[in-house]
């Protein structure tokens, strides 16, 4: 699941993450789906007004592997004069798409707070 166009976190969590993830997704407008091999994907938005926010989580025992990113839609590509990549991490390590990354961090940080993890800056 590794990709440098994504924000990637690895941490330990002793309980099953599924109930927390399901509740968080419901409360924050994310659609949750199992994409196989123990990976759960959540998506918010469809790219009409805001880039879709994606999150993938895999739990293996107490190990959590989390990836989150923006899927840059055609409208955003156009307004950025096609300078934005097709995928963008949500952390502040890259330039561009500041509004979209701030909104994505707002939602993902809510989940991280519930899991007792530091926020993405």
PDB file of N, CA and C in Angstrom:
ATOM      1  N   UNK A   1       0.801  -1.198   0.000  1.00  0.00           N
ATOM      2  CA  UNK A   1       0.000   0.000   0.000  1.00  0.00           C
ATOM      3  C   UNK A   1       0.854   1.278   0.000  1.00  0.00           C
ATOM      4  N   UNK A   2       2.153   1.184   0.008  1.00  0.00           N
ATOM      5  CA  UNK A   2       2.995   2.376   0.121  1.00  0.00           C
ATOM      6  C   UNK A   2       2.968   3.209  -1.156  1.00  0.00           C
ATOM      7  N   UNK A   3       2.962   4.535  -0.970  1.00  0.00           N
ATOM      8  CA  UNK A   3       2.907   5.461  -2.093  1.00  0.00           C
ATOM      9  C   UNK A   3       3.308   6.828  -1.560  1.00  0.00           C
ATOM     10  N   UNK A   4       4.306   7.500  -2.186  1.00  0.00           N
ATOM     11  CA  UNK A   4       4.748   8.782  -1.649  1.00  0.00           C
ATOM     12  C   UNK A   4       3.791   9.930  -1.956  1.00  0.00           C
ATOM     13  N   UNK A   5       2.739   9.698  -2.707  1.00  0.00           N
ATOM     14  CA  UNK A   5       1.711  10.711  -2.927  1.00  0.00           C
ATOM     15  C   UNK A   5       0.649  10.635  -1.836  1.00  0.00           C
ATOM     16  N   UNK A   6       0.930   9.866  -0.788  1.00  0.00           N
ATOM     17  CA  UNK A   6      -0.017   9.676   0.303  1.00  0.00           C
ATOM     18  C   UNK A   6       0.655   9.990   1.635  1.00  0.00           C
ATOM     19  N   UNK A   7      -0.154  10.371   2.596  1.00  0.00           N
ATOM     20  CA  UNK A   7       0.322  10.522   3.965  1.00  0.00           C
ATOM     21  C   UNK A   7       0.173   9.154   4.618  1.00  0.00           C
ATOM     22  N   UNK A   8       1.277   8.616   5.147  1.00  0.00           N
ATOM     23  CA  UNK A   8       1.296   7.253   5.678  1.00  0.00           C
ATOM     24  C   UNK A   8       1.665   7.277   7.156  1.00  0.00           C
ATOM     25  N   UNK A   9       0.878   6.566   7.950  1.00  0.00           N
ATOM     26  CA  UNK A   9       1.124   6.438   9.386  1.00  0.00           C
ATOM     27  C   UNK A   9       1.100   4.964   9.764  1.00  0.00           C
ATOM     28  N   UNK A  10       2.009   4.577  10.640  1.00  0.00           N
ATOM     29  CA  UNK A  10       2.025   3.239  11.214  1.00  0.00           C
ATOM     30  C   UNK A  10       2.067   3.394  12.725  1.00  0.00           C
ATOM     31  N   UNK A  11       1.176   2.684  13.413  1.00  0.00           N
ATOM     32  CA  UNK A  11       1.139   2.771  14.870  1.00  0.00           C
ATOM     33  C   UNK A  11       0.471   1.524  15.441  1.00  0.00           C
ATOM     34  N   UNK A  12       0.539   1.394  16.747  1.00  0.00           N
ATOM     35  CA  UNK A  12      -0.079   0.261  17.438  1.00  0.00           C
ATOM     36  C   UNK A  12      -1.399   0.691  18.062  1.00  0.00           C
ATOM     37  N   UNK A  13      -2.363  -0.218  18.008  1.00  0.00           N
ATOM     38  CA  UNK A  13      -3.653   0.000  18.643  1.00  0.00           C
ATOM     39  C   UNK A  13      -4.138  -1.362  19.117  1.00  0.00           C
ATOM     40  N   UNK A  14      -4.401  -1.486  20.416  1.00  0.00           N
ATOM     41  CA  UNK A  14      -4.657  -2.807  21.001  1.00  0.00           C
ATOM     42  C   UNK A  14      -6.019  -3.400  20.664  1.00  0.00           C
ATOM     43  N   UNK A  15      -7.029  -2.573  20.402  1.00  0.00           N
ATOM     44  CA  UNK A  15      -8.380  -3.067  20.138  1.00  0.00           C
ATOM     45  C   UNK A  15      -8.666  -3.131  18.640  1.00  0.00           C
ATOM     46  N   UNK A  16      -9.801  -3.721  18.316  1.00  0.00           N
ATOM     47  CA  UNK A  16     -10.259  -3.777  16.928  1.00  0.00           C
ATOM     48  C   UNK A  16     -10.637  -2.360  16.487  1.00  0.00           C
ATOM     49  N   UNK A  17     -10.080  -1.911  15.394  1.00  0.00           N
ATOM     50  CA  UNK A  17     -10.313  -0.548  14.908  1.00  0.00           C
ATOM     51  C   UNK A  17     -11.652  -0.421  14.166  1.00  0.00           C
ATOM     52  N   UNK A  18     -12.215  -1.536  13.713  1.00  0.00           N
ATOM     53  CA  UNK A  18     -13.417  -1.512  12.869  1.00  0.00           C
ATOM     54  C   UNK A  18     -14.583  -0.716  13.467  1.00  0.00           C
ATOM     55  N   UNK A  19     -14.978  -0.932  14.740  1.00  0.00           N
ATOM     56  CA  UNK A  19     -16.113  -0.164  15.267  1.00  0.00           C
ATOM     57  C   UNK A  19     -15.853   1.349  15.302  1.00  0.00           C
ATOM     58  N   UNK A  20     -14.651   1.740  15.652  1.00  0.00           N
ATOM     59  CA  UNK A  20     -14.313   3.170  15.699  1.00  0.00           C
ATOM     60  C   UNK A  20     -14.328   3.743  14.293  1.00  0.00           C
ATOM     61  N   UNK A  21     -13.763   3.021  13.350  1.00  0.00           N
ATOM     62  CA  UNK A  21     -13.710   3.469  11.958  1.00  0.00           C
ATOM     63  C   UNK A  21     -15.113   3.602  11.371  1.00  0.00           C
ATOM     64  N   UNK A  22     -15.973   2.642  11.651  1.00  0.00           N
ATOM     65  CA  UNK A  22     -17.344   2.681  11.143  1.00  0.00           C
ATOM     66  C   UNK A  22     -18.110   3.878  11.699  1.00  0.00           C
ATOM     67  N   UNK A  23     -18.005   4.096  13.001  1.00  0.00           N
ATOM     68  CA  UNK A  23     -18.702   5.232  13.628  1.00  0.00           C
ATOM     69  C   UNK A  23     -18.164   6.554  13.099  1.00  0.00           C
ATOM     70  N   UNK A  24     -16.838   6.680  13.002  1.00  0.00           N
ATOM     71  CA  UNK A  24     -16.211   7.902  12.479  1.00  0.00           C
ATOM     72  C   UNK A  24     -16.678   8.167  11.045  1.00  0.00           C
ATOM     73  N   UNK A  25     -16.695   7.125  10.218  1.00  0.00           N
ATOM     74  CA  UNK A  25     -17.114   7.278   8.815  1.00  0.00           C
ATOM     75  C   UNK A  25     -18.555   7.771   8.743  1.00  0.00           C
ATOM     76  N   UNK A  26     -19.434   7.173   9.541  1.00  0.00           N
ATOM     77  CA  UNK A  26     -20.844   7.584   9.556  1.00  0.00           C
ATOM     78  C   UNK A  26     -21.007   9.036  10.000  1.00  0.00           C
ATOM     79  N   UNK A  27     -20.291   9.422  11.033  1.00  0.00           N
ATOM     80  CA  UNK A  27     -20.416  10.780  11.583  1.00  0.00           C
ATOM     81  C   UNK A  27     -19.826  11.859  10.680  1.00  0.00           C
ATOM     82  N   UNK A  28     -18.901  11.477   9.796  1.00  0.00           N
ATOM     83  CA  UNK A  28     -18.178  12.468   8.997  1.00  0.00           C
ATOM     84  C   UNK A  28     -18.420  12.357   7.500  1.00  0.00           C
ATOM     85  N   UNK A  29     -19.412  11.587   7.104  1.00  0.00           N
ATOM     86  CA  UNK A  29     -19.798  11.526   5.697  1.00  0.00           C
ATOM     87  C   UNK A  29     -18.862  10.733   4.804  1.00  0.00           C
ATOM     88  N   UNK A  30     -18.172   9.747   5.360  1.00  0.00           N
ATOM     89  CA  UNK A  30     -17.298   8.884   4.567  1.00  0.00           C
ATOM     90  C   UNK A  30     -18.035   7.597   4.236  1.00  0.00           C
ATOM     91  N   UNK A  31     -17.834   7.107   3.027  1.00  0.00           N
ATOM     92  CA  UNK A  31     -18.379   5.816   2.622  1.00  0.00           C
ATOM     93  C   UNK A  31     -17.294   4.778   2.866  1.00  0.00           C
ATOM     94  N   UNK A  32     -17.647   3.730   3.569  1.00  0.00           N
ATOM     95  CA  UNK A  32     -16.695   2.705   3.978  1.00  0.00           C
ATOM     96  C   UNK A  32     -16.888   1.468   3.121  1.00  0.00           C
ATOM     97  N   UNK A  33     -15.791   0.862   2.682  1.00  0.00           N
ATOM     98  CA  UNK A  33     -15.889  -0.391   1.928  1.00  0.00           C
ATOM     99  C   UNK A  33     -14.639  -1.246   2.175  1.00  0.00           C
ATOM    100  N   UNK A  34     -14.845  -2.537   2.162  1.00  0.00           N
ATOM    101  CA  UNK A  34     -13.759  -3.501   2.317  1.00  0.00           C
ATOM    102  C   UNK A  34     -13.209  -3.760   0.918  1.00  0.00           C
ATOM    103  N   UNK A  35     -11.923  -3.485   0.712  1.00  0.00           N
ATOM    104  CA  UNK A  35     -11.360  -3.682  -0.628  1.00  0.00           C
ATOM    105  C   UNK A  35     -10.522  -4.954  -0.720  1.00  0.00           C
ATOM    106  N   UNK A  36     -10.583  -5.783   0.323  1.00  0.00           N
ATOM    107  CA  UNK A  36      -9.899  -7.069   0.303  1.00  0.00           C
ATOM    108  C   UNK A  36      -8.554  -7.037   1.008  1.00  0.00           C
ATOM    109  N   UNK A  37      -8.069  -8.242   1.320  1.00  0.00           N
ATOM    110  CA  UNK A  37      -6.783  -8.436   1.998  1.00  0.00           C
ATOM    111  C   UNK A  37      -6.718  -7.669   3.315  1.00  0.00           C
ATOM    112  N   UNK A  38      -7.856  -7.518   3.985  1.00  0.00           N
ATOM    113  CA  UNK A  38      -7.893  -6.854   5.283  1.00  0.00           C
ATOM    114  C   UNK A  38      -7.812  -5.346   5.232  1.00  0.00           C
ATOM    115  N   UNK A  39      -7.945  -4.767   4.043  1.00  0.00           N
ATOM    116  CA  UNK A  39      -7.854  -3.318   3.880  1.00  0.00           C
ATOM    117  C   UNK A  39      -9.254  -2.723   3.792  1.00  0.00           C
ATOM    118  N   UNK A  40      -9.479  -1.713   4.600  1.00  0.00           N
ATOM    119  CA  UNK A  40     -10.749  -0.984   4.573  1.00  0.00           C
ATOM    120  C   UNK A  40     -10.467   0.390   3.983  1.00  0.00           C
ATOM    121  N   UNK A  41     -11.292   0.803   3.039  1.00  0.00           N
ATOM    122  CA  UNK A  41     -11.135   2.119   2.421  1.00  0.00           C
ATOM    123  C   UNK A  41     -12.348   2.969   2.738  1.00  0.00           C
ATOM    124  N   UNK A  42     -12.090   4.233   3.036  1.00  0.00           N
ATOM    125  CA  UNK A  42     -13.149   5.215   3.294  1.00  0.00           C
ATOM    126  C   UNK A  42     -12.954   6.363   2.311  1.00  0.00           C
ATOM    127  N   UNK A  43     -14.062   6.864   1.768  1.00  0.00           N
ATOM    128  CA  UNK A  43     -13.997   7.991   0.842  1.00  0.00           C
ATOM    129  C   UNK A  43     -15.064   9.004   1.181  1.00  0.00           C
ATOM    130  N   UNK A  44     -14.658  10.261   1.127  1.00  0.00           N
ATOM    131  CA  UNK A  44     -15.603  11.367   1.320  1.00  0.00           C
ATOM    132  C   UNK A  44     -15.534  12.258   0.090  1.00  0.00           C
ATOM    133  N   UNK A  45     -16.670  12.534  -0.492  1.00  0.00           N
ATOM    134  CA  UNK A  45     -16.727  13.409  -1.658  1.00  0.00           C
ATOM    135  C   UNK A  45     -16.559  12.644  -2.943  1.00  0.00           C
ATOM    136  N   UNK A  46     -17.039  13.295  -4.000  1.00  0.00           N
ATOM    137  CA  UNK A  46     -16.979  12.668  -5.310  1.00  0.00           C
ATOM    138  C   UNK A  46     -16.272  13.499  -6.348  1.00  0.00           C
ATOM    139  N   UNK A  47     -15.686  14.609  -5.943  1.00  0.00           N
ATOM    140  CA  UNK A  47     -14.901  15.393  -6.868  1.00  0.00           C
ATOM    141  C   UNK A  47     -15.649  16.481  -7.603  1.00  0.00           C
ATOM    142  N   UNK A  48     -16.857  16.835  -7.165  1.00  0.00           N
ATOM    143  CA  UNK A  48     -17.594  17.887  -7.854  1.00  0.00           C
ATOM    144  C   UNK A  48     -17.163  19.261  -7.345  1.00  0.00           C
ATOM    145  N   UNK A  49     -17.169  19.440  -6.033  1.00  0.00           N
ATOM    146  CA  UNK A  49     -16.787  20.723  -5.444  1.00  0.00           C
ATOM    147  C   UNK A  49     -15.467  20.610  -4.704  1.00  0.00           C
ATOM    148  N   UNK A  50     -15.161  19.459  -4.204  1.00  0.00           N
ATOM    149  CA  UNK A  50     -13.982  19.223  -3.384  1.00  0.00           C
ATOM    150  C   UNK A  50     -13.330  17.926  -3.820  1.00  0.00           C
ATOM    151  N   UNK A  51     -12.005  17.899  -3.824  1.00  0.00           N
ATOM    152  CA  UNK A  51     -11.295  16.655  -4.131  1.00  0.00           C
ATOM    153  C   UNK A  51     -11.748  15.560  -3.174  1.00  0.00           C
ATOM    154  N   UNK A  52     -11.994  14.359  -3.666  1.00  0.00           N
ATOM    155  CA  UNK A  52     -12.325  13.262  -2.761  1.00  0.00           C
ATOM    156  C   UNK A  52     -11.178  13.004  -1.779  1.00  0.00           C
ATOM    157  N   UNK A  53     -11.553  12.762  -0.525  1.00  0.00           N
ATOM    158  CA  UNK A  53     -10.597  12.410   0.519  1.00  0.00           C
ATOM    159  C   UNK A  53     -10.665  10.903   0.676  1.00  0.00           C
ATOM    160  N   UNK A  54      -9.522  10.242   0.595  1.00  0.00           N
ATOM    161  CA  UNK A  54      -9.489   8.793   0.741  1.00  0.00           C
ATOM    162  C   UNK A  54      -8.634   8.398   1.932  1.00  0.00           C
ATOM    163  N   UNK A  55      -9.009   7.291   2.545  1.00  0.00           N
ATOM    164  CA  UNK A  55      -8.311   6.743   3.690  1.00  0.00           C
ATOM    165  C   UNK A  55      -8.334   5.230   3.544  1.00  0.00           C
ATOM    166  N   UNK A  56      -7.180   4.597   3.693  1.00  0.00           N
ATOM    167  CA  UNK A  56      -7.103   3.138   3.718  1.00  0.00           C
ATOM    168  C   UNK A  56      -6.475   2.727   5.034  1.00  0.00           C
ATOM    169  N   UNK A  57      -7.065   1.719   5.664  1.00  0.00           N
ATOM    170  CA  UNK A  57      -6.575   1.232   6.952  1.00  0.00           C
ATOM    171  C   UNK A  57      -6.463  -0.281   6.889  1.00  0.00           C
ATOM    172  N   UNK A  58      -5.337  -0.779   7.373  1.00  0.00           N
ATOM    173  CA  UNK A  58      -5.151  -2.223   7.515  1.00  0.00           C
ATOM    174  C   UNK A  58      -4.675  -2.487   8.927  1.00  0.00           C
ATOM    175  N   UNK A  59      -5.378  -3.379   9.625  1.00  0.00           N
ATOM    176  CA  UNK A  59      -4.985  -3.768  10.972  1.00  0.00           C
ATOM    177  C   UNK A  59      -4.505  -5.212  10.941  1.00  0.00           C
ATOM    178  N   UNK A  60      -3.296  -5.425  11.438  1.00  0.00           N
ATOM    179  CA  UNK A  60      -2.728  -6.755  11.582  1.00  0.00           C
ATOM    180  C   UNK A  60      -2.350  -6.911  13.044  1.00  0.00           C
ATOM    181  N   UNK A  61      -3.180  -7.596  13.801  1.00  0.00           N
ATOM    182  CA  UNK A  61      -2.967  -7.675  15.245  1.00  0.00           C
ATOM    183  C   UNK A  61      -3.106  -6.285  15.843  1.00  0.00           C
ATOM    184  N   UNK A  62      -2.057  -5.831  16.513  1.00  0.00           N
ATOM    185  CA  UNK A  62      -2.067  -4.490  17.099  1.00  0.00           C
ATOM    186  C   UNK A  62      -1.454  -3.443  16.172  1.00  0.00           C
ATOM    187  N   UNK A  63      -0.965  -3.857  15.013  1.00  0.00           N
ATOM    188  CA  UNK A  63      -0.326  -2.933  14.068  1.00  0.00           C
ATOM    189  C   UNK A  63      -1.353  -2.333  13.115  1.00  0.00           C
ATOM    190  N   UNK A  64      -1.337  -1.011  13.028  1.00  0.00           N
ATOM    191  CA  UNK A  64      -2.223  -0.280  12.117  1.00  0.00           C
ATOM    192  C   UNK A  64      -1.361   0.390  11.055  1.00  0.00           C
ATOM    193  N   UNK A  65      -1.756   0.184   9.802  1.00  0.00           N
ATOM    194  CA  UNK A  65      -1.135   0.886   8.679  1.00  0.00           C
ATOM    195  C   UNK A  65      -2.235   1.748   8.067  1.00  0.00           C
ATOM    196  N   UNK A  66      -2.020   3.063   8.072  1.00  0.00           N
ATOM    197  CA  UNK A  66      -3.032   4.010   7.603  1.00  0.00           C
ATOM    198  C   UNK A  66      -2.428   4.864   6.499  1.00  0.00           C
ATOM    199  N   UNK A  67      -3.153   4.987   5.413  1.00  0.00           N
ATOM    200  CA  UNK A  67      -2.762   5.872   4.315  1.00  0.00           C
ATOM    201  C   UNK A  67      -3.929   6.790   4.002  1.00  0.00           C
ATOM    202  N   UNK A  68      -3.629   8.058   3.782  1.00  0.00           N
ATOM    203  CA  UNK A  68      -4.679   9.006   3.431  1.00  0.00           C
ATOM    204  C   UNK A  68      -4.155   9.967   2.368  1.00  0.00           C
ATOM    205  N   UNK A  69      -5.050  10.403   1.484  1.00  0.00           N
ATOM    206  CA  UNK A  69      -4.652  11.266   0.387  1.00  0.00           C
ATOM    207  C   UNK A  69      -5.868  11.927  -0.242  1.00  0.00           C
ATOM    208  N   UNK A  70      -5.579  12.908  -1.074  1.00  0.00           N
ATOM    209  CA  UNK A  70      -6.593  13.556  -1.899  1.00  0.00           C
ATOM    210  C   UNK A  70      -6.492  12.981  -3.302  1.00  0.00           C
ATOM    211  N   UNK A  71      -7.622  12.637  -3.881  1.00  0.00           N
ATOM    212  CA  UNK A  71      -7.667  12.236  -5.280  1.00  0.00           C
ATOM    213  C   UNK A  71      -8.034  13.508  -6.043  1.00  0.00           C
ATOM    214  N   UNK A  72      -7.090  14.050  -6.752  1.00  0.00           N
ATOM    215  CA  UNK A  72      -7.282  15.353  -7.380  1.00  0.00           C
ATOM    216  C   UNK A  72      -8.169  15.192  -8.619  1.00  0.00           C
ATOM    217  N   UNK A  73      -9.316  15.859  -8.575  1.00  0.00           N
ATOM    218  CA  UNK A  73     -10.310  15.754  -9.641  1.00  0.00           C
ATOM    219  C   UNK A  73      -9.958  16.676 -10.813  1.00  0.00           C
ATOM    220  N   UNK A  74     -10.674  16.507 -11.905  1.00  0.00           N
ATOM    221  CA  UNK A  74     -10.414  17.267 -13.129  1.00  0.00           C
ATOM    222  C   UNK A  74     -10.616  18.772 -12.929  1.00  0.00           C
ATOM    223  N   UNK A  75     -11.645  19.175 -12.188  1.00  0.00           N
ATOM    224  CA  UNK A  75     -11.874  20.596 -11.947  1.00  0.00           C
ATOM    225  C   UNK A  75     -10.700  21.225 -11.200  1.00  0.00           C
ATOM    226  N   UNK A  76     -10.201  20.533 -10.177  1.00  0.00           N
ATOM    227  CA  UNK A  76      -9.046  21.036  -9.425  1.00  0.00           C
ATOM    228  C   UNK A  76      -7.808  21.056 -10.312  1.00  0.00           C
ATOM    229  N   UNK A  77      -7.653  20.045 -11.135  1.00  0.00           N
ATOM    230  CA  UNK A  77      -6.534  20.038 -12.096  1.00  0.00           C
ATOM    231  C   UNK A  77      -6.609  21.274 -12.996  1.00  0.00           C
ATOM    232  N   UNK A  78      -7.810  21.556 -13.488  1.00  0.00           N
ATOM    233  CA  UNK A  78      -8.004  22.697 -14.379  1.00  0.00           C
ATOM    234  C   UNK A  78      -7.689  24.012 -13.668  1.00  0.00           C
ATOM    235  N   UNK A  79      -8.240  24.191 -12.448  1.00  0.00           N
ATOM    236  CA  UNK A  79      -8.029  25.452 -11.728  1.00  0.00           C
ATOM    237  C   UNK A  79      -6.586  25.631 -11.269  1.00  0.00           C
ATOM    238  N   UNK A  80      -5.841  24.536 -11.170  1.00  0.00           N
ATOM    239  CA  UNK A  80      -4.413  24.640 -10.818  1.00  0.00           C
ATOM    240  C   UNK A  80      -3.545  24.680 -12.078  1.00  0.00           C
ATOM    241  N   UNK A  81      -4.186  24.866 -13.222  1.00  0.00           N
ATOM    242  CA  UNK A  81      -3.498  24.882 -14.517  1.00  0.00           C
ATOM    243  C   UNK A  81      -2.711  23.593 -14.737  1.00  0.00           C
ATOM    244  N   UNK A  82      -3.303  22.500 -14.299  1.00  0.00           N
ATOM    245  CA  UNK A  82      -2.767  21.155 -14.458  1.00  0.00           C
ATOM    246  C   UNK A  82      -1.406  20.963 -13.792  1.00  0.00           C
ATOM    247  N   UNK A  83      -1.156  21.749 -12.739  1.00  0.00           N
ATOM    248  CA  UNK A  83       0.093  21.596 -11.995  1.00  0.00           C
ATOM    249  C   UNK A  83      -0.067  20.657 -10.793  1.00  0.00           C
ATOM    250  N   UNK A  84      -1.302  20.340 -10.409  1.00  0.00           N
ATOM    251  CA  UNK A  84      -1.527  19.444  -9.267  1.00  0.00           C
ATOM    252  C   UNK A  84      -1.377  17.994  -9.715  1.00  0.00           C
ATOM    253  N   UNK A  85      -0.788  17.144  -8.860  1.00  0.00           N
ATOM    254  CA  UNK A  85      -0.672  15.720  -9.201  1.00  0.00           C
ATOM    255  C   UNK A  85      -2.037  15.042  -9.100  1.00  0.00           C
ATOM    256  N   UNK A  86      -2.143  13.829  -9.598  1.00  0.00           N
ATOM    257  CA  UNK A  86      -3.425  13.115  -9.539  1.00  0.00           C
ATOM    258  C   UNK A  86      -3.762  12.675  -8.115  1.00  0.00           C
ATOM    259  N   UNK A  87      -2.746  12.470  -7.282  1.00  0.00           N
ATOM    260  CA  UNK A  87      -2.932  12.178  -5.866  1.00  0.00           C
ATOM    261  C   UNK A  87      -2.030  13.121  -5.076  1.00  0.00           C
ATOM    262  N   UNK A  88      -2.515  13.528  -3.893  1.00  0.00           N
ATOM    263  CA  UNK A  88      -1.729  14.435  -3.061  1.00  0.00           C
ATOM    264  C   UNK A  88      -1.848  14.028  -1.603  1.00  0.00           C
ATOM    265  N   UNK A  89      -0.714  13.999  -0.875  1.00  0.00           N
ATOM    266  CA  UNK A  89      -0.803  13.731   0.560  1.00  0.00           C
ATOM    267  C   UNK A  89      -1.534  14.879   1.242  1.00  0.00           C
ATOM    268  N   UNK A  90      -2.036  14.636   2.441  1.00  0.00           N
ATOM    269  CA  UNK A  90      -2.783  15.686   3.127  1.00  0.00           C
ATOM    270  C   UNK A  90      -1.927  16.442   4.143  1.00  0.00           C
ATOM    271  N   UNK A  91      -0.716  15.967   4.400  1.00  0.00           N
ATOM    272  CA  UNK A  91       0.132  16.665   5.366  1.00  0.00           C
ATOM    273  C   UNK A  91       0.753  17.900   4.722  1.00  0.00           C
ATOM    274  N   UNK A  92       1.451  18.681   5.516  1.00  0.00           N
ATOM    275  CA  UNK A  92       2.002  19.950   5.026  1.00  0.00           C
ATOM    276  C   UNK A  92       3.365  19.788   4.370  1.00  0.00           C
ATOM    277  N   UNK A  93       3.724  18.575   3.976  1.00  0.00           N
ATOM    278  CA  UNK A  93       5.035  18.339   3.363  1.00  0.00           C
ATOM    279  C   UNK A  93       5.099  18.775   1.901  1.00  0.00           C
ATOM    280  N   UNK A  94       3.965  19.108   1.315  1.00  0.00           N
ATOM    281  CA  UNK A  94       3.934  19.505  -0.093  1.00  0.00           C
ATOM    282  C   UNK A  94       3.259  20.867  -0.234  1.00  0.00           C
ATOM    283  N   UNK A  95       3.514  21.518  -1.334  1.00  0.00           N
ATOM    284  CA  UNK A  95       2.852  22.783  -1.643  1.00  0.00           C
ATOM    285  C   UNK A  95       1.622  22.493  -2.494  1.00  0.00           C
ATOM    286  N   UNK A  96       0.751  23.462  -2.541  1.00  0.00           N
ATOM    287  CA  UNK A  96      -0.439  23.352  -3.380  1.00  0.00           C
ATOM    288  C   UNK A  96      -1.621  22.768  -2.639  1.00  0.00           C
ATOM    289  N   UNK A  97      -2.797  23.078  -3.120  1.00  0.00           N
ATOM    290  CA  UNK A  97      -4.067  22.591  -2.587  1.00  0.00           C
ATOM    291  C   UNK A  97      -4.213  22.826  -1.081  1.00  0.00           C
ATOM    292  N   UNK A  98      -3.859  24.004  -0.591  1.00  0.00           N
ATOM    293  CA  UNK A  98      -3.895  24.222   0.868  1.00  0.00           C
ATOM    294  C   UNK A  98      -5.287  24.081   1.465  1.00  0.00           C
ATOM    295  N   UNK A  99      -6.308  24.584   0.800  1.00  0.00           N
ATOM    296  CA  UNK A  99      -7.675  24.487   1.331  1.00  0.00           C
ATOM    297  C   UNK A  99      -8.128  23.039   1.399  1.00  0.00           C
ATOM    298  N   UNK A 100      -7.891  22.302   0.338  1.00  0.00           N
ATOM    299  CA  UNK A 100      -8.298  20.901   0.283  1.00  0.00           C
ATOM    300  C   UNK A 100      -7.562  20.072   1.339  1.00  0.00           C
ATOM    301  N   UNK A 101      -6.257  20.318   1.506  1.00  0.00           N
ATOM    302  CA  UNK A 101      -5.487  19.569   2.500  1.00  0.00           C
ATOM    303  C   UNK A 101      -5.939  19.912   3.919  1.00  0.00           C
ATOM    304  N   UNK A 102      -6.260  21.185   4.183  1.00  0.00           N
ATOM    305  CA  UNK A 102      -6.765  21.591   5.511  1.00  0.00           C
ATOM    306  C   UNK A 102      -8.076  20.879   5.837  1.00  0.00           C
ATOM    307  N   UNK A 103      -8.978  20.819   4.872  1.00  0.00           N
ATOM    308  CA  UNK A 103     -10.266  20.156   5.087  1.00  0.00           C
ATOM    309  C   UNK A 103     -10.046  18.664   5.342  1.00  0.00           C
ATOM    310  N   UNK A 104      -9.193  18.041   4.548  1.00  0.00           N
ATOM    311  CA  UNK A 104      -8.918  16.610   4.724  1.00  0.00           C
ATOM    312  C   UNK A 104      -8.313  16.340   6.102  1.00  0.00           C
ATOM    313  N   UNK A 105      -7.353  17.155   6.507  1.00  0.00           N
ATOM    314  CA  UNK A 105      -6.739  16.969   7.837  1.00  0.00           C
ATOM    315  C   UNK A 105      -7.771  17.109   8.944  1.00  0.00           C
ATOM    316  N   UNK A 106      -8.714  18.036   8.785  1.00  0.00           N
ATOM    317  CA  UNK A 106      -9.763  18.222   9.787  1.00  0.00           C
ATOM    318  C   UNK A 106     -10.490  16.899  10.057  1.00  0.00           C
ATOM    319  N   UNK A 107     -10.882  16.207   9.007  1.00  0.00           N
ATOM    320  CA  UNK A 107     -11.621  14.955   9.156  1.00  0.00           C
ATOM    321  C   UNK A 107     -10.732  13.815   9.643  1.00  0.00           C
ATOM    322  N   UNK A 108      -9.557  13.659   9.056  1.00  0.00           N
ATOM    323  CA  UNK A 108      -8.672  12.549   9.424  1.00  0.00           C
ATOM    324  C   UNK A 108      -8.167  12.720  10.855  1.00  0.00           C
ATOM    325  N   UNK A 109      -7.904  13.955  11.267  1.00  0.00           N
ATOM    326  CA  UNK A 109      -7.434  14.183  12.634  1.00  0.00           C
ATOM    327  C   UNK A 109      -8.490  13.831  13.678  1.00  0.00           C
ATOM    328  N   UNK A 110      -9.770  13.930  13.332  1.00  0.00           N
ATOM    329  CA  UNK A 110     -10.823  13.481  14.248  1.00  0.00           C
ATOM    330  C   UNK A 110     -10.664  11.988  14.544  1.00  0.00           C
ATOM    331  N   UNK A 111     -10.383  11.212  13.506  1.00  0.00           N
ATOM    332  CA  UNK A 111     -10.172   9.775  13.689  1.00  0.00           C
ATOM    333  C   UNK A 111      -8.917   9.522  14.513  1.00  0.00           C
ATOM    334  N   UNK A 112      -7.841  10.217  14.182  1.00  0.00           N
ATOM    335  CA  UNK A 112      -6.591  10.020  14.915  1.00  0.00           C
ATOM    336  C   UNK A 112      -6.748  10.356  16.393  1.00  0.00           C
ATOM    337  N   UNK A 113      -7.517  11.409  16.706  1.00  0.00           N
ATOM    338  CA  UNK A 113      -7.793  11.750  18.108  1.00  0.00           C
ATOM    339  C   UNK A 113      -8.481  10.582  18.817  1.00  0.00           C
ATOM    340  N   UNK A 114      -9.453   9.959  18.163  1.00  0.00           N
ATOM    341  CA  UNK A 114     -10.176   8.837  18.762  1.00  0.00           C
ATOM    342  C   UNK A 114      -9.275   7.627  18.987  1.00  0.00           C
ATOM    343  N   UNK A 115      -8.217   7.531  18.186  1.00  0.00           N
ATOM    344  CA  UNK A 115      -7.281   6.418  18.319  1.00  0.00           C
ATOM    345  C   UNK A 115      -6.083   6.755  19.196  1.00  0.00           C
ATOM    346  N   UNK A 116      -6.081   7.972  19.769  1.00  0.00           N
ATOM    347  CA  UNK A 116      -4.998   8.389  20.649  1.00  0.00           C
ATOM    348  C   UNK A 116      -3.688   8.652  19.927  1.00  0.00           C
ATOM    349  N   UNK A 117      -3.782   9.081  18.674  1.00  0.00           N
ATOM    350  CA  UNK A 117      -2.582   9.338  17.863  1.00  0.00           C
ATOM    351  C   UNK A 117      -2.408  10.836  17.640  1.00  0.00           C
ATOM    352  N   UNK A 118      -1.146  11.262  17.397  1.00  0.00           N
ATOM    353  CA  UNK A 118      -0.913  12.681  17.111  1.00  0.00           C
ATOM    354  C   UNK A 118      -1.584  13.092  15.798  1.00  0.00           C
ATOM    355  N   UNK A 119      -1.957  14.350  15.743  1.00  0.00           N
ATOM    356  CA  UNK A 119      -2.606  14.874  14.543  1.00  0.00           C
ATOM    357  C   UNK A 119      -1.604  15.044  13.402  1.00  0.00           C
ATOM    358  N   UNK A 120      -2.125  15.005  12.209  1.00  0.00           N
ATOM    359  CA  UNK A 120      -1.334  15.287  11.006  1.00  0.00           C
ATOM    360  C   UNK A 120      -1.266  16.799  10.874  1.00  0.00           C
ATOM    361  N   UNK A 121      -0.072  17.300  10.704  1.00  0.00           N
ATOM    362  CA  UNK A 121       0.118  18.755  10.554  1.00  0.00           C
ATOM    363  C   UNK A 121       0.309  19.118   9.099  1.00  0.00           C
TER     364      UNK A 121
END
